[in-house]
Amino acid sequence: MLIRYEFEVGASAEYMFKLTQDYDLRAKWDPLTTEAFLVNATDAAQGELVRCTAANGLSMDTVYVSYQPNKVAAVKLIKGPYIFDKFAGGWNFKELGPDRTKVLFSYNITTKPRWLSWLLTPVVVFFFKRETRKRIAALQHYALDNYRPI
C-alpha cells in the first residue's frame, strides 16, 4: 500500500537532501527515529546499509537502492520487524528556485502473514501516515528555523 506526501519547503534542494540523508542532522529534527546510522560506511551511497530505530523501539535495516544527491534517496527493507513483508521508502527533491524545493516523500508497505495482509496493511499504514505527518511537520519546522540562503 502506497503512502505519498508532496509538499514545498523554503530551502534549497541541496539543503533538504542533506537534512534528510545526513544522520547526524536527522537526529536533530526527526521525531520518528531515535537512532539512525550507516552500518559499514561513512558516506551514504547506493548499496549502503542503514540501521534505524524508531521511538517505539522497533528497528530495521534498509539498503539504498537509489542515491542521487539533491534529487533522490530511496531505500528498501533488508531486515526489520516481523510485521513487514515489504517496505520501501523514498525522498524526491525538485528545486523550484534557489530557495524553494518540492519534496515528494513516499512509503510502500505490505505486511505479513500474507494471508492476513488485507487486514493488517491498512492498520499499519494508518499509523505510518500519522507518524509521517509528524515527521514532515518537524522537517518543515526545522528547515524554516535553520535554513540560511547563501
Protein backbone atom coordinates (compact mmCIF):
# COMPACT_ATOMS: atom_id res chain seq x y z
CA MET A 1 0.00 0.00 0.00
CA LEU A 2 1.43 3.33 -1.07
CA ILE A 3 1.71 6.42 1.15
CA ARG A 4 2.64 9.67 -0.63
CA TYR A 5 3.09 13.20 0.62
CA GLU A 6 4.11 16.13 -1.53
CA PHE A 7 5.00 19.49 -0.02
CA GLU A 8 7.09 22.59 -0.62
CA VAL A 9 9.79 23.98 1.62
CA GLY A 10 11.51 27.36 1.56
CA ALA A 11 15.02 25.91 1.27
CA SER A 12 17.31 24.62 -1.46
CA ALA A 13 17.17 21.03 -2.68
CA GLU A 14 20.79 20.62 -1.59
CA TYR A 15 19.93 21.66 1.96
CA MET A 16 16.82 19.46 2.12
CA PHE A 17 18.64 16.43 0.76
CA LYS A 18 21.41 16.79 3.31
CA LEU A 19 18.92 17.40 6.12
CA THR A 20 17.11 14.14 5.34
CA GLN A 21 20.09 11.93 4.49
CA ASP A 22 22.79 13.09 6.93
CA TYR A 23 22.09 11.01 10.02
CA ASP A 24 23.74 13.46 12.44
CA LEU A 25 21.39 16.18 11.17
CA ARG A 26 18.42 13.83 11.05
CA ALA A 27 18.67 13.21 14.78
CA LYS A 28 18.03 16.91 15.34
CA TRP A 29 14.62 17.05 13.66
CA ASP A 30 13.15 13.57 13.08
CA PRO A 31 10.66 12.62 15.84
CA LEU A 32 10.07 9.14 14.40
CA THR A 33 13.67 7.98 14.53
CA THR A 34 15.65 7.80 17.77
CA GLU A 35 18.76 6.37 16.12
CA ALA A 36 19.91 6.08 12.51
CA PHE A 37 23.33 5.34 11.10
CA LEU A 38 25.21 3.84 8.18
CA VAL A 39 26.29 0.34 9.15
CA ASN A 40 29.50 -0.12 7.13
CA ALA A 41 30.19 3.29 5.63
CA THR A 42 30.84 6.91 6.49
CA ASP A 43 29.03 8.34 3.45
CA ALA A 44 25.62 7.37 2.12
CA ALA A 45 25.55 5.86 -1.37
CA GLN A 46 23.62 3.33 -3.41
CA GLY A 47 24.12 -0.12 -1.90
CA GLU A 48 24.93 1.15 1.61
CA LEU A 49 23.13 -0.30 4.61
CA VAL A 50 21.29 1.92 7.12
CA ARG A 51 20.01 0.90 10.55
CA CYS A 52 17.13 2.91 12.02
CA THR A 53 15.44 2.58 15.38
CA ALA A 54 12.04 4.15 15.91
CA ALA A 55 10.76 5.81 19.07
CA ASN A 56 8.69 2.66 19.74
CA GLY A 57 11.94 0.60 19.91
CA LEU A 58 11.47 -1.27 16.63
CA SER A 59 14.47 -1.24 14.32
CA MET A 60 15.03 -2.01 10.67
CA ASP A 61 17.91 -2.34 8.28
CA THR A 62 17.43 -0.81 4.86
CA VAL A 63 19.69 -0.52 1.83
CA TYR A 64 19.90 2.45 -0.51
CA VAL A 65 18.55 1.36 -3.90
CA SER A 66 18.94 4.86 -5.31
CA TYR A 67 21.10 7.73 -4.13
CA GLN A 68 21.38 10.81 -6.32
CA PRO A 69 22.46 13.79 -4.19
CA ASN A 70 19.98 16.66 -4.12
CA LYS A 71 17.46 14.63 -6.16
CA VAL A 72 16.57 11.14 -4.90
CA ALA A 73 17.21 8.85 -1.95
CA ALA A 74 15.34 5.55 -1.85
CA VAL A 75 15.67 2.51 0.39
CA LYS A 76 14.18 -0.95 0.71
CA LEU A 77 13.90 -3.20 3.73
CA ILE A 78 16.54 -5.86 4.29
CA LYS A 79 15.70 -6.83 7.87
CA GLY A 80 13.10 -5.46 10.19
CA PRO A 81 10.10 -6.02 12.37
CA TYR A 82 8.27 -9.25 11.59
CA ILE A 83 5.08 -7.39 10.61
CA PHE A 84 6.68 -6.08 7.38
CA ASP A 85 6.57 -8.31 4.34
CA LYS A 86 7.87 -5.48 2.16
CA PHE A 87 8.87 -1.93 2.96
CA ALA A 88 10.39 0.75 0.74
CA GLY A 89 10.70 4.49 1.15
CA GLY A 90 11.90 7.40 -0.89
CA TRP A 91 12.57 11.11 -0.88
CA ASN A 92 12.44 13.02 -4.18
CA PHE A 93 13.56 16.63 -4.38
CA LYS A 94 12.78 19.09 -7.16
CA GLU A 95 14.30 22.54 -6.90
CA LEU A 96 11.66 25.10 -7.85
CA GLY A 97 14.02 28.04 -7.32
CA PRO A 98 17.20 28.83 -5.40
CA ASP A 99 15.37 28.70 -2.06
CA ARG A 100 12.27 26.64 -2.84
CA THR A 101 12.03 22.85 -3.14
CA LYS A 102 9.19 20.46 -3.81
CA VAL A 103 9.60 17.28 -1.78
CA LEU A 104 7.82 14.02 -2.53
CA PHE A 105 8.00 11.54 0.30
CA SER A 106 6.65 8.03 -0.14
CA TYR A 107 6.45 4.64 1.55
CA ASN A 108 5.28 1.37 0.09
CA ILE A 109 4.30 -1.15 2.73
CA THR A 110 2.86 -4.66 2.85
CA THR A 111 2.54 -6.76 5.96
CA LYS A 112 2.70 -10.42 6.85
CA PRO A 113 1.49 -13.01 7.29
CA ARG A 114 0.38 -12.65 3.69
CA TRP A 115 -2.98 -14.35 4.26
CA LEU A 116 -3.82 -11.56 6.77
CA SER A 117 -2.17 -8.70 4.88
CA TRP A 118 -5.53 -7.45 3.57
CA LEU A 119 -6.39 -6.55 7.19
CA LEU A 120 -3.01 -5.68 8.73
CA THR A 121 -1.59 -3.50 5.97
CA PRO A 122 -4.30 -0.78 6.22
CA VAL A 123 -3.88 -0.70 10.02
CA VAL A 124 -0.08 -0.34 9.80
CA VAL A 125 -0.46 2.27 7.03
CA PHE A 126 -2.88 4.26 9.21
CA PHE A 127 -0.24 4.56 11.93
CA PHE A 128 2.55 5.25 9.42
CA LYS A 129 0.54 8.08 7.90
CA ARG A 130 0.07 9.67 11.30
CA GLU A 131 3.78 9.40 12.11
CA THR A 132 4.76 10.60 8.64
CA ARG A 133 2.67 13.75 9.02
CA LYS A 134 4.50 14.46 12.30
CA ARG A 135 7.84 13.80 10.60
CA ILE A 136 7.05 16.17 7.72
CA ALA A 137 5.86 18.92 10.07
CA ALA A 138 9.07 18.57 12.10
CA LEU A 139 11.18 18.66 8.91
CA GLN A 140 9.41 21.78 7.63
CA HIS A 141 9.71 23.49 11.02
CA TYR A 142 13.43 22.66 11.33
CA ALA A 143 14.15 23.87 7.78
CA LEU A 144 12.22 27.09 8.38
CA ASP A 145 14.15 27.79 11.57
CA ASN A 146 17.61 26.78 10.34
CA TYR A 147 17.93 27.33 6.59
CA ARG A 148 20.12 30.28 5.66
CA PRO A 149 20.32 31.11 1.95
CA ILE A 150 23.81 31.62 0.59
